[in-house]
N, C-alpha and C. Protein backbone atom coordinates (compact mmCIF):
# COMPACT_ATOMS: atom_id res chain seq x y z
N UNK A 1 79.29 103.46 101.20
CA UNK A 1 80.29 104.55 102.08
C UNK A 1 80.02 106.00 101.89
N UNK A 2 80.41 107.12 102.86
CA UNK A 2 80.37 108.12 103.09
C UNK A 2 81.88 109.19 102.85
N UNK A 3 81.85 109.99 101.57
CA UNK A 3 82.96 110.58 102.17
C UNK A 3 83.01 111.52 102.56
N UNK A 4 84.20 111.57 103.46
CA UNK A 4 84.57 112.28 105.14
C UNK A 4 84.90 113.69 104.84
N UNK A 5 86.31 113.22 103.36
CA UNK A 5 87.16 114.61 104.10
C UNK A 5 86.54 115.41 101.91
N UNK A 6 86.26 116.49 101.98
CA UNK A 6 86.52 117.52 100.87
C UNK A 6 87.84 116.89 99.87
N UNK A 7 86.47 117.03 98.44
CA UNK A 7 87.48 117.36 97.15
C UNK A 7 88.10 115.41 97.28
N UNK A 8 88.93 115.27 96.14
CA UNK A 8 89.10 113.73 95.73
C UNK A 8 90.10 113.43 96.32
N UNK A 9 89.48 112.29 97.26
CA UNK A 9 90.88 111.07 98.10
C UNK A 9 91.74 110.63 97.32
N UNK A 10 92.71 109.62 97.96
CA UNK A 10 93.10 109.03 97.64
C UNK A 10 92.67 108.45 96.11
N UNK A 11 92.93 108.20 94.95
CA UNK A 11 92.55 106.86 93.71
C UNK A 11 91.07 107.94 93.45
N UNK A 12 90.48 108.98 93.52
CA UNK A 12 89.80 109.67 92.82
C UNK A 12 89.98 110.83 92.21
N UNK A 13 89.16 111.35 91.21
CA UNK A 13 89.79 112.35 89.64
C UNK A 13 90.45 113.51 90.67
N UNK A 14 91.67 113.80 90.22
CA UNK A 14 92.08 115.20 90.20
C UNK A 14 91.91 116.24 89.64
N UNK A 15 92.33 116.94 89.70
CA UNK A 15 91.77 118.20 89.09
C UNK A 15 91.79 118.67 88.26
N UNK A 16 91.94 117.76 87.35
CA UNK A 16 92.02 118.45 85.97
C UNK A 16 90.74 117.78 85.38
N UNK A 17 90.61 117.16 86.42
CA UNK A 17 89.04 116.74 85.59
C UNK A 17 87.95 117.42 86.52
N UNK A 18 87.35 117.71 84.79
CA UNK A 18 85.90 118.53 85.52
C UNK A 18 84.59 118.24 86.19
N UNK A 19 84.01 119.28 86.92
CA UNK A 19 82.90 118.40 87.18
C UNK A 19 82.96 118.00 88.90
N UNK A 20 83.97 119.33 89.90
CA UNK A 20 84.19 119.66 90.27
C UNK A 20 83.54 120.84 91.51
N UNK A 21 82.53 120.97 91.14
CA UNK A 21 82.16 122.74 91.60
C UNK A 21 82.80 122.75 92.94
N UNK A 22 83.10 124.16 93.30
CA UNK A 22 83.71 124.91 94.24
C UNK A 22 85.01 124.19 94.79
N UNK A 23 85.36 124.06 93.88
CA UNK A 23 86.78 123.33 94.30
C UNK A 23 88.03 124.18 93.54
N UNK A 24 89.12 124.77 93.95
CA UNK A 24 89.83 125.15 93.66
C UNK A 24 91.50 124.44 93.61
N UNK A 25 92.39 124.87 93.08
CA UNK A 25 93.35 124.73 92.05
C UNK A 25 94.36 124.32 93.91
N UNK A 26 93.58 124.98 94.82
CA UNK A 26 94.34 125.02 95.94
C UNK A 26 93.83 123.78 96.76
N UNK A 27 92.86 123.39 96.83
CA UNK A 27 92.38 121.96 97.21
C UNK A 27 93.33 120.77 97.00
N UNK A 28 93.79 121.27 95.64
CA UNK A 28 94.53 119.95 95.43
C UNK A 28 96.32 120.03 95.34
N UNK A 29 96.49 120.44 95.82
CA UNK A 29 97.64 120.88 96.52
C UNK A 29 98.30 119.49 97.17
N UNK A 30 99.29 118.38 97.01
CA UNK A 30 99.81 117.42 97.97
C UNK A 30 100.73 117.67 98.75
N UNK A 31 101.28 117.71 99.50
CA UNK A 31 102.23 117.43 100.47
C UNK A 31 103.27 116.79 99.97
N UNK A 32 104.93 117.77 99.19
CA UNK A 32 106.14 117.01 98.05
C UNK A 32 105.82 115.66 98.80
N UNK A 33 106.13 114.82 100.39
CA UNK A 33 105.93 114.20 100.94
C UNK A 33 105.35 112.63 100.53
N UNK A 34 103.21 113.37 100.19
CA UNK A 34 102.58 112.41 99.98
C UNK A 34 102.54 112.18 98.29
N UNK A 35 102.59 112.68 97.80
CA UNK A 35 103.26 112.91 96.26
C UNK A 35 102.84 111.27 95.65
N UNK A 36 102.14 111.02 94.76
CA UNK A 36 102.84 109.22 94.31
C UNK A 36 103.71 109.35 93.01
N UNK A 37 104.91 108.40 93.38
CA UNK A 37 106.56 108.27 92.73
C UNK A 37 107.14 108.29 92.94
N UNK A 38 108.50 108.31 92.03
CA UNK A 38 109.84 107.30 93.20
C UNK A 38 110.21 108.77 93.47
N UNK A 39 111.14 109.09 94.54
CA UNK A 39 111.37 109.64 95.13
C UNK A 39 112.33 109.65 95.59
N UNK A 40 113.93 110.32 95.28
CA UNK A 40 114.78 110.01 96.40
C UNK A 40 115.86 110.18 97.28
N UNK A 41 115.66 109.43 98.11
CA UNK A 41 116.05 109.42 99.51
C UNK A 41 115.19 109.66 100.51
N UNK A 42 113.30 109.11 99.77
CA UNK A 42 112.46 109.17 100.89
C UNK A 42 112.84 107.90 101.52
N UNK A 43 113.08 106.27 100.75
CA UNK A 43 112.67 105.32 101.44
C UNK A 43 114.12 104.52 100.96
N UNK A 44 114.61 105.05 102.46
CA UNK A 44 115.98 104.61 102.00
C UNK A 44 116.43 102.82 102.52
N UNK A 45 115.90 102.41 103.12
CA UNK A 45 116.29 100.86 103.22
C UNK A 45 116.02 100.57 101.92
N UNK A 46 113.98 100.21 102.05
CA UNK A 46 114.11 99.78 100.50
C UNK A 46 114.63 100.23 99.35
N UNK A 47 115.33 101.33 98.72
CA UNK A 47 115.78 101.79 98.32
C UNK A 47 117.69 101.04 97.78
N UNK A 48 118.26 100.70 98.62
CA UNK A 48 119.49 100.12 99.36
C UNK A 48 119.23 98.33 98.95
N UNK A 49 117.98 98.46 99.65
CA UNK A 49 117.78 96.93 99.21
C UNK A 49 117.62 96.27 97.89
N UNK A 50 116.84 97.30 97.22
CA UNK A 50 116.68 97.07 95.35
C UNK A 50 118.06 97.28 95.14
N UNK A 51 118.56 97.80 95.51
CA UNK A 51 120.07 98.22 94.43
C UNK A 51 120.90 96.79 95.09
N UNK A 52 120.63 96.63 96.19
CA UNK A 52 121.65 95.35 96.92
C UNK A 52 121.39 94.44 95.85
N UNK A 53 120.04 94.05 95.77
CA UNK A 53 119.52 92.88 94.92
C UNK A 53 119.45 93.20 93.39
N UNK A 54 119.87 94.46 92.79
CA UNK A 54 120.44 94.19 91.45
C UNK A 54 122.16 93.88 91.46
N UNK A 55 122.89 94.29 92.76
CA UNK A 55 124.02 94.14 92.48
C UNK A 55 124.93 93.06 92.54
N UNK A 56 123.53 92.40 93.23
CA UNK A 56 123.68 90.82 93.48
C UNK A 56 123.83 89.79 92.53
N UNK A 57 122.22 90.31 91.98
CA UNK A 57 122.32 89.79 90.60
C UNK A 57 122.80 89.69 89.55
N UNK A 58 123.52 90.79 88.60
CA UNK A 58 124.08 91.61 88.07
C UNK A 58 125.60 90.85 88.47
N UNK A 59 126.23 90.63 89.30
CA UNK A 59 126.90 89.96 90.06
C UNK A 59 126.98 88.17 89.42
N UNK A 60 126.13 87.73 89.63
CA UNK A 60 125.86 86.44 89.89
C UNK A 60 125.73 86.41 88.65
N UNK A 61 124.98 86.95 87.85
CA UNK A 61 125.17 86.49 85.89
C UNK A 61 126.61 87.00 85.15
N UNK A 62 127.30 87.76 85.82
CA UNK A 62 128.65 88.30 85.37
C UNK A 62 129.35 86.54 85.60
N UNK A 63 129.49 86.10 86.52
CA UNK A 63 130.11 85.31 87.09
C UNK A 63 129.38 83.64 86.30
N UNK A 64 128.61 83.57 85.75
CA UNK A 64 127.85 82.37 84.45
C UNK A 64 129.30 82.15 83.57
N UNK A 65 130.00 83.35 83.25
CA UNK A 65 131.43 82.95 82.13
C UNK A 65 132.37 82.60 82.59
N UNK A 66 132.32 82.32 84.11
CA UNK A 66 133.96 81.69 83.98
C UNK A 66 132.68 80.14 85.24
N UNK A 67 133.31 79.25 84.23
CA UNK A 67 132.55 77.89 84.98
C UNK A 67 132.83 77.25 86.37
N UNK A 68 134.45 77.84 86.18
CA UNK A 68 134.91 77.57 87.96
C UNK A 68 134.69 78.10 88.23
N UNK A 69 134.10 79.78 88.31
CA UNK A 69 133.75 80.37 89.99
C UNK A 69 132.13 80.11 90.04
N UNK A 70 132.14 78.60 89.85
CA UNK A 70 130.28 78.42 90.03
C UNK A 70 129.68 78.29 91.19
N UNK A 71 131.13 78.11 92.23
CA UNK A 71 130.42 78.70 93.82
C UNK A 71 130.18 79.52 93.89
N UNK A 72 131.20 80.65 94.15
CA UNK A 72 130.94 82.06 94.28
C UNK A 72 129.39 82.50 93.48
N UNK A 73 129.69 81.51 91.96
CA UNK A 73 128.43 82.72 91.82
C UNK A 73 127.53 82.43 92.14
N UNK A 74 127.35 81.06 92.32
CA UNK A 74 125.82 80.40 93.24
C UNK A 74 125.48 80.94 94.12
N UNK A 75 126.19 81.20 95.18
CA UNK A 75 125.71 81.73 96.50
C UNK A 75 125.85 83.16 96.13
N UNK A 76 126.55 83.29 95.53
CA UNK A 76 126.17 85.53 95.21
C UNK A 76 124.53 84.81 94.45
N UNK A 77 124.99 84.58 93.93
CA UNK A 77 122.61 84.21 92.76
C UNK A 77 122.04 83.91 93.89
N UNK A 78 122.14 83.09 95.34
CA UNK A 78 121.28 83.13 95.89
C UNK A 78 120.79 84.05 96.99
N UNK A 79 122.45 84.26 97.23
CA UNK A 79 121.66 86.01 98.40
C UNK A 79 121.35 86.87 97.28
N UNK A 80 121.05 87.05 95.95
CA UNK A 80 119.72 88.41 95.55
C UNK A 80 118.96 87.83 95.87
N UNK A 81 118.95 86.21 95.33
CA UNK A 81 117.35 86.34 95.61
C UNK A 81 116.56 86.36 96.44
N UNK A 82 117.31 85.64 97.74
CA UNK A 82 116.88 86.66 99.19
C UNK A 82 116.86 88.11 99.10
N UNK A 83 117.71 88.69 99.35
CA UNK A 83 117.89 89.48 99.49
C UNK A 83 117.04 90.72 98.34
N UNK A 84 116.44 90.12 96.95
CA UNK A 84 115.40 90.47 96.54
C UNK A 84 113.68 90.31 97.20
N UNK A 85 114.12 89.10 97.42
CA UNK A 85 112.70 89.07 97.84
C UNK A 85 112.31 89.53 99.33
N UNK A 86 113.35 90.20 99.85
CA UNK A 86 113.18 90.88 100.98
C UNK A 86 112.88 91.86 100.18
N UNK A 87 112.97 91.93 99.97
CA UNK A 87 112.77 93.69 99.63
C UNK A 87 111.84 93.99 98.76
N UNK A 88 111.07 92.63 98.18
CA UNK A 88 109.65 92.99 97.43
C UNK A 88 109.31 93.26 98.71
N UNK A 89 109.28 92.16 99.96
CA UNK A 89 107.92 92.39 101.08
C UNK A 89 108.17 93.55 101.47
N UNK A 90 109.45 94.38 101.24
CA UNK A 90 108.82 95.56 102.40
C UNK A 90 108.90 96.63 101.35
N UNK A 91 109.06 96.91 99.93
CA UNK A 91 108.71 97.17 99.13
C UNK A 91 107.78 98.53 98.89
N UNK A 92 108.24 99.89 98.90
CA UNK A 92 106.98 101.14 99.13
C UNK A 92 106.08 101.26 97.49
N UNK A 93 107.04 101.26 96.59
CA UNK A 93 106.75 102.35 95.86
C UNK A 93 105.76 101.53 94.29
N UNK A 94 105.88 101.32 93.12
CA UNK A 94 105.73 100.08 92.20
C UNK A 94 106.83 100.22 91.27
N UNK A 95 107.80 101.25 91.52
CA UNK A 95 109.16 101.42 91.21
C UNK A 95 110.25 100.60 91.49
N UNK A 96 109.85 100.70 93.20
CA UNK A 96 110.76 99.65 93.51
C UNK A 96 110.58 97.56 93.75
N UNK A 97 109.05 97.39 94.03
CA UNK A 97 108.44 96.40 92.70
C UNK A 97 109.02 95.87 91.85
N UNK A 98 109.36 96.64 90.81
CA UNK A 98 109.89 96.62 89.24
C UNK A 98 111.28 96.42 89.11
N UNK A 99 112.20 96.65 89.98
CA UNK A 99 113.38 96.52 90.32
C UNK A 99 113.42 95.10 91.30
N UNK A 100 112.86 95.36 91.94
CA UNK A 100 112.90 94.01 92.34
C UNK A 100 112.32 92.65 91.80
N UNK A 101 111.23 92.71 91.16
CA UNK A 101 110.60 91.42 90.24
C UNK A 101 112.01 91.33 89.15
N UNK A 102 112.89 92.01 88.37
CA UNK A 102 113.52 92.46 88.00
C UNK A 102 114.63 91.93 88.15
N UNK A 103 115.92 91.81 89.43
CA UNK A 103 116.70 91.24 89.88
C UNK A 103 116.52 90.39 90.67
N UNK A 104 115.22 89.82 90.95
CA UNK A 104 114.81 88.50 91.70
C UNK A 104 114.93 87.64 89.91
N UNK A 105 114.41 87.75 88.90
CA UNK A 105 114.65 86.84 88.17
C UNK A 105 115.71 86.56 87.20
N UNK A 106 116.76 87.83 87.02
CA UNK A 106 118.19 87.68 87.01
C UNK A 106 119.10 86.80 87.97
N UNK A 107 118.86 86.94 89.41
CA UNK A 107 119.69 86.33 90.02
C UNK A 107 118.97 84.63 90.38
N UNK A 108 117.49 84.54 89.82
CA UNK A 108 117.51 83.56 89.76
C UNK A 108 117.72 81.95 88.66
N UNK A 109 117.96 83.40 87.19
CA UNK A 109 118.45 82.39 85.72
C UNK A 109 119.96 82.28 86.25
N UNK A 110 120.60 82.80 87.17
CA UNK A 110 122.32 82.95 87.01
C UNK A 110 122.59 82.11 88.15
N UNK A 111 121.99 81.78 89.07
CA UNK A 111 121.46 80.77 89.94
C UNK A 111 121.22 79.18 89.88
N UNK A 112 120.42 79.24 88.65
CA UNK A 112 120.55 78.00 87.79
C UNK A 112 121.80 77.97 86.60
N UNK A 113 122.00 78.68 85.74
CA UNK A 113 123.18 78.29 85.03
C UNK A 113 124.32 78.07 86.00
N UNK A 114 124.86 78.87 87.19
CA UNK A 114 126.16 78.45 88.90
C UNK A 114 125.79 77.00 88.27
N UNK A 115 124.51 76.80 89.32
CA UNK A 115 124.49 75.22 89.55
C UNK A 115 124.93 74.60 88.26
N UNK A 116 124.23 74.71 86.66
CA UNK A 116 123.93 73.97 86.03
C UNK A 116 125.96 73.41 85.74
N UNK A 117 126.86 74.44 86.38
CA UNK A 117 127.88 74.62 86.23
C UNK A 117 128.53 73.43 87.39
N UNK A 118 128.21 73.12 88.46
CA UNK A 118 128.81 72.43 89.51
C UNK A 118 128.10 72.89 90.62
N UNK A 119 126.93 73.57 91.32
CA UNK A 119 126.49 73.46 92.60
C UNK A 119 127.56 74.95 93.26
N UNK A 120 126.46 74.58 94.26
CA UNK A 120 127.05 75.40 95.72
C UNK A 120 128.63 74.93 96.07
N UNK A 121 128.79 73.66 95.99
CA UNK A 121 130.26 73.34 96.08
C UNK A 121 130.67 72.06 95.76
């Protein structure tokens, strides 16, 4: 397969790697919206879903301490699992996926403990 664009493409070596004859640093400047990594404000819906999953998971985990709150805790934890799964489905960056997996895991553990304390009703 032939490369149709000049310079390195996605996944190729960057400007710091020697061996790119005739290229300058200006050839490798990226638009800030195209840079890889975590950018606050660039994925508003995805970040909101990830934050919601984390909040629901933490609240569900805190409610483990009160066995009498098992109904509320189990529903909140279940909501955290479902929101986390949808956030994982729509996530754009590796950082969002990492947060989503941690939130889903915490929500699942909280859900299991709250179910152990008495179930969903």
